[in-house]
Amino acid sequence: MSVQAYILIQTEVGKASSVANAIKGIAGVTLAEGVTGPYDVIMRAEAPSMEEFGRAILSKVQAVPGITRTLTCPVTN
């Protein structure tokens, strides 16, 4: 069973669009969209395991320029 999670992202002012576009190119990301409210981008991703999720997805997301904070919300089905 794969691990799925939503990641809520805060960005630097004016960077939401470029951050969302950069995240869309990361393998395992199934959704990345700009939103309004306390977060600027919401994304959904999946990986075969939590270890793989952290190594292959989160580490790449956190390396995207313009991100100031992330909050990972695992899906509990």
N, C-alpha and C. Protein backbone atom coordinates (compact mmCIF):
# COMPACT_ATOMS: atom_id res chain seq x y z
N MET A 1 0.84 -1.20 0.00
CA MET A 1 0.00 0.00 0.00
C MET A 1 0.88 1.25 0.00
N SER A 2 0.56 2.18 -0.84
CA SER A 2 1.39 3.38 -0.95
C SER A 2 1.03 4.41 0.12
N VAL A 3 1.97 5.31 0.35
CA VAL A 3 1.78 6.43 1.27
C VAL A 3 1.36 7.63 0.44
N GLN A 4 0.28 8.29 0.87
CA GLN A 4 -0.19 9.49 0.19
C GLN A 4 -0.26 10.61 1.21
N ALA A 5 0.01 11.84 0.76
CA ALA A 5 -0.07 12.98 1.67
C ALA A 5 -0.33 14.25 0.89
N TYR A 6 -0.97 15.19 1.58
CA TYR A 6 -1.08 16.56 1.09
C TYR A 6 0.03 17.34 1.77
N ILE A 7 0.62 18.25 1.05
CA ILE A 7 1.63 19.13 1.64
C ILE A 7 1.17 20.56 1.39
N LEU A 8 1.01 21.29 2.48
CA LEU A 8 0.62 22.70 2.43
C LEU A 8 1.89 23.53 2.45
N ILE A 9 1.98 24.49 1.54
CA ILE A 9 3.24 25.21 1.35
C ILE A 9 3.02 26.71 1.45
N GLN A 10 3.87 27.36 2.24
CA GLN A 10 3.92 28.81 2.26
C GLN A 10 5.14 29.22 1.43
N THR A 11 4.96 30.29 0.65
CA THR A 11 6.04 30.75 -0.22
C THR A 11 6.38 32.21 0.06
N GLU A 12 7.49 32.63 -0.50
CA GLU A 12 7.83 34.05 -0.48
C GLU A 12 6.78 34.79 -1.31
N VAL A 13 6.60 36.06 -1.05
CA VAL A 13 5.60 36.86 -1.76
C VAL A 13 5.85 36.79 -3.27
N GLY A 14 4.80 36.49 -4.02
CA GLY A 14 4.88 36.45 -5.47
C GLY A 14 5.49 35.19 -6.06
N LYS A 15 5.78 34.19 -5.23
CA LYS A 15 6.45 32.98 -5.72
C LYS A 15 5.53 31.77 -5.87
N ALA A 16 4.25 31.89 -5.52
CA ALA A 16 3.36 30.73 -5.52
C ALA A 16 3.30 30.04 -6.87
N SER A 17 3.18 30.79 -7.93
CA SER A 17 3.05 30.21 -9.27
C SER A 17 4.32 29.46 -9.67
N SER A 18 5.47 30.06 -9.46
CA SER A 18 6.73 29.40 -9.84
C SER A 18 6.99 28.17 -8.98
N VAL A 19 6.62 28.23 -7.69
CA VAL A 19 6.78 27.07 -6.81
C VAL A 19 5.86 25.94 -7.27
N ALA A 20 4.60 26.23 -7.55
CA ALA A 20 3.66 25.20 -8.00
C ALA A 20 4.14 24.56 -9.30
N ASN A 21 4.63 25.36 -10.23
CA ASN A 21 5.12 24.82 -11.49
C ASN A 21 6.34 23.94 -11.29
N ALA A 22 7.25 24.33 -10.41
CA ALA A 22 8.44 23.53 -10.15
C ALA A 22 8.07 22.20 -9.49
N ILE A 23 7.11 22.23 -8.58
CA ILE A 23 6.71 21.02 -7.86
C ILE A 23 6.02 20.02 -8.78
N LYS A 24 5.27 20.52 -9.76
CA LYS A 24 4.58 19.63 -10.70
C LYS A 24 5.54 18.68 -11.41
N GLY A 25 6.80 19.09 -11.55
CA GLY A 25 7.79 18.27 -12.25
C GLY A 25 8.45 17.20 -11.40
N ILE A 26 8.13 17.14 -10.13
CA ILE A 26 8.75 16.15 -9.24
C ILE A 26 8.01 14.82 -9.34
N ALA A 27 8.74 13.75 -9.55
CA ALA A 27 8.14 12.42 -9.66
C ALA A 27 7.39 12.09 -8.36
N GLY A 28 6.18 11.57 -8.49
CA GLY A 28 5.36 11.22 -7.33
C GLY A 28 4.33 12.28 -6.99
N VAL A 29 4.49 13.49 -7.50
CA VAL A 29 3.53 14.56 -7.24
C VAL A 29 2.34 14.37 -8.18
N THR A 30 1.14 14.30 -7.61
CA THR A 30 -0.06 14.09 -8.42
C THR A 30 -0.89 15.36 -8.57
N LEU A 31 -0.61 16.38 -7.76
CA LEU A 31 -1.35 17.64 -7.82
C LEU A 31 -0.49 18.74 -7.20
N ALA A 32 -0.48 19.91 -7.82
CA ALA A 32 0.17 21.08 -7.24
C ALA A 32 -0.55 22.31 -7.77
N GLU A 33 -1.21 23.04 -6.87
CA GLU A 33 -2.00 24.19 -7.28
C GLU A 33 -1.83 25.34 -6.31
N GLY A 34 -1.88 26.55 -6.83
CA GLY A 34 -1.90 27.73 -5.99
C GLY A 34 -3.25 27.88 -5.34
N VAL A 35 -3.27 28.32 -4.08
CA VAL A 35 -4.52 28.52 -3.35
C VAL A 35 -4.44 29.84 -2.58
N THR A 36 -5.58 30.28 -2.06
CA THR A 36 -5.60 31.47 -1.20
C THR A 36 -5.80 31.02 0.23
N GLY A 37 -5.44 31.86 1.15
CA GLY A 37 -5.57 31.52 2.57
C GLY A 37 -4.19 31.53 3.23
N PRO A 38 -4.05 30.82 4.34
CA PRO A 38 -2.78 30.85 5.07
C PRO A 38 -1.64 30.15 4.32
N TYR A 39 -1.97 29.30 3.35
CA TYR A 39 -0.94 28.64 2.54
C TYR A 39 -1.08 29.12 1.10
N ASP A 40 0.00 29.03 0.35
CA ASP A 40 0.03 29.55 -1.02
C ASP A 40 -0.09 28.46 -2.08
N VAL A 41 0.37 27.25 -1.76
CA VAL A 41 0.32 26.13 -2.69
C VAL A 41 -0.10 24.89 -1.91
N ILE A 42 -0.94 24.06 -2.52
CA ILE A 42 -1.26 22.76 -1.95
C ILE A 42 -0.86 21.71 -2.96
N MET A 43 -0.25 20.65 -2.48
CA MET A 43 0.14 19.57 -3.38
C MET A 43 -0.25 18.24 -2.78
N ARG A 44 -0.38 17.24 -3.64
CA ARG A 44 -0.62 15.87 -3.20
C ARG A 44 0.42 15.00 -3.86
N ALA A 45 0.93 14.04 -3.12
CA ALA A 45 1.95 13.15 -3.66
C ALA A 45 1.78 11.76 -3.08
N GLU A 46 2.39 10.78 -3.75
CA GLU A 46 2.35 9.42 -3.24
C GLU A 46 3.68 8.73 -3.55
N ALA A 47 4.00 7.76 -2.68
CA ALA A 47 5.22 6.98 -2.81
C ALA A 47 4.97 5.60 -2.22
N PRO A 48 5.80 4.62 -2.55
CA PRO A 48 5.59 3.26 -2.04
C PRO A 48 5.72 3.12 -0.52
N SER A 49 6.51 3.99 0.12
CA SER A 49 6.71 3.89 1.57
C SER A 49 6.98 5.28 2.13
N MET A 50 6.89 5.41 3.46
CA MET A 50 7.17 6.70 4.09
C MET A 50 8.64 7.10 3.89
N GLU A 51 9.52 6.11 3.94
CA GLU A 51 10.95 6.40 3.71
C GLU A 51 11.16 6.96 2.30
N GLU A 52 10.55 6.32 1.34
CA GLU A 52 10.67 6.78 -0.05
C GLU A 52 10.00 8.14 -0.22
N PHE A 53 8.90 8.36 0.46
CA PHE A 53 8.20 9.65 0.40
C PHE A 53 9.14 10.76 0.86
N GLY A 54 9.81 10.54 1.98
CA GLY A 54 10.72 11.55 2.50
C GLY A 54 11.93 11.76 1.62
N ARG A 55 12.50 10.65 1.15
CA ARG A 55 13.75 10.74 0.38
C ARG A 55 13.51 11.26 -1.03
N ALA A 56 12.49 10.74 -1.69
CA ALA A 56 12.29 11.05 -3.10
C ALA A 56 11.43 12.28 -3.36
N ILE A 57 10.54 12.60 -2.43
CA ILE A 57 9.61 13.70 -2.69
C ILE A 57 9.87 14.89 -1.77
N LEU A 58 9.79 14.69 -0.46
CA LEU A 58 9.94 15.83 0.46
C LEU A 58 11.27 16.54 0.31
N SER A 59 12.34 15.79 0.16
CA SER A 59 13.65 16.43 0.04
C SER A 59 13.72 17.30 -1.21
N LYS A 60 13.08 16.87 -2.29
CA LYS A 60 13.07 17.66 -3.53
C LYS A 60 12.14 18.86 -3.41
N VAL A 61 11.01 18.69 -2.76
CA VAL A 61 10.09 19.82 -2.56
C VAL A 61 10.77 20.90 -1.73
N GLN A 62 11.42 20.50 -0.66
CA GLN A 62 12.04 21.49 0.23
C GLN A 62 13.22 22.20 -0.42
N ALA A 63 13.74 21.66 -1.52
CA ALA A 63 14.84 22.30 -2.24
C ALA A 63 14.36 23.32 -3.28
N VAL A 64 13.04 23.40 -3.49
CA VAL A 64 12.51 24.34 -4.48
C VAL A 64 12.67 25.77 -3.96
N PRO A 65 13.27 26.66 -4.74
CA PRO A 65 13.45 28.05 -4.31
C PRO A 65 12.11 28.75 -4.09
N GLY A 66 12.03 29.56 -3.04
CA GLY A 66 10.83 30.36 -2.77
C GLY A 66 9.93 29.79 -1.69
N ILE A 67 10.20 28.56 -1.25
CA ILE A 67 9.39 27.96 -0.19
C ILE A 67 9.91 28.42 1.17
N THR A 68 8.99 28.87 2.03
CA THR A 68 9.40 29.29 3.37
C THR A 68 8.98 28.30 4.46
N ARG A 69 7.91 27.54 4.21
CA ARG A 69 7.45 26.57 5.22
C ARG A 69 6.55 25.54 4.56
N THR A 70 6.62 24.30 5.09
CA THR A 70 5.73 23.24 4.61
C THR A 70 5.06 22.56 5.79
N LEU A 71 3.89 21.99 5.53
CA LEU A 71 3.18 21.19 6.51
C LEU A 71 2.69 19.93 5.79
N THR A 72 3.17 18.77 6.22
CA THR A 72 2.80 17.51 5.58
C THR A 72 1.64 16.87 6.33
N CYS A 73 0.60 16.50 5.58
CA CYS A 73 -0.61 15.90 6.14
C CYS A 73 -0.83 14.55 5.48
N PRO A 74 -0.37 13.45 6.09
CA PRO A 74 -0.57 12.13 5.50
C PRO A 74 -2.05 11.78 5.42
N VAL A 75 -2.42 11.09 4.35
CA VAL A 75 -3.79 10.62 4.16
C VAL A 75 -3.97 9.35 4.98
N THR A 76 -5.07 9.26 5.72
CA THR A 76 -5.32 8.08 6.57
C THR A 76 -6.56 7.37 6.08
N ASN A 77 -6.39 6.50 5.11
CA ASN A 77 -7.53 5.74 4.57
C ASN A 77 -7.71 4.46 5.34
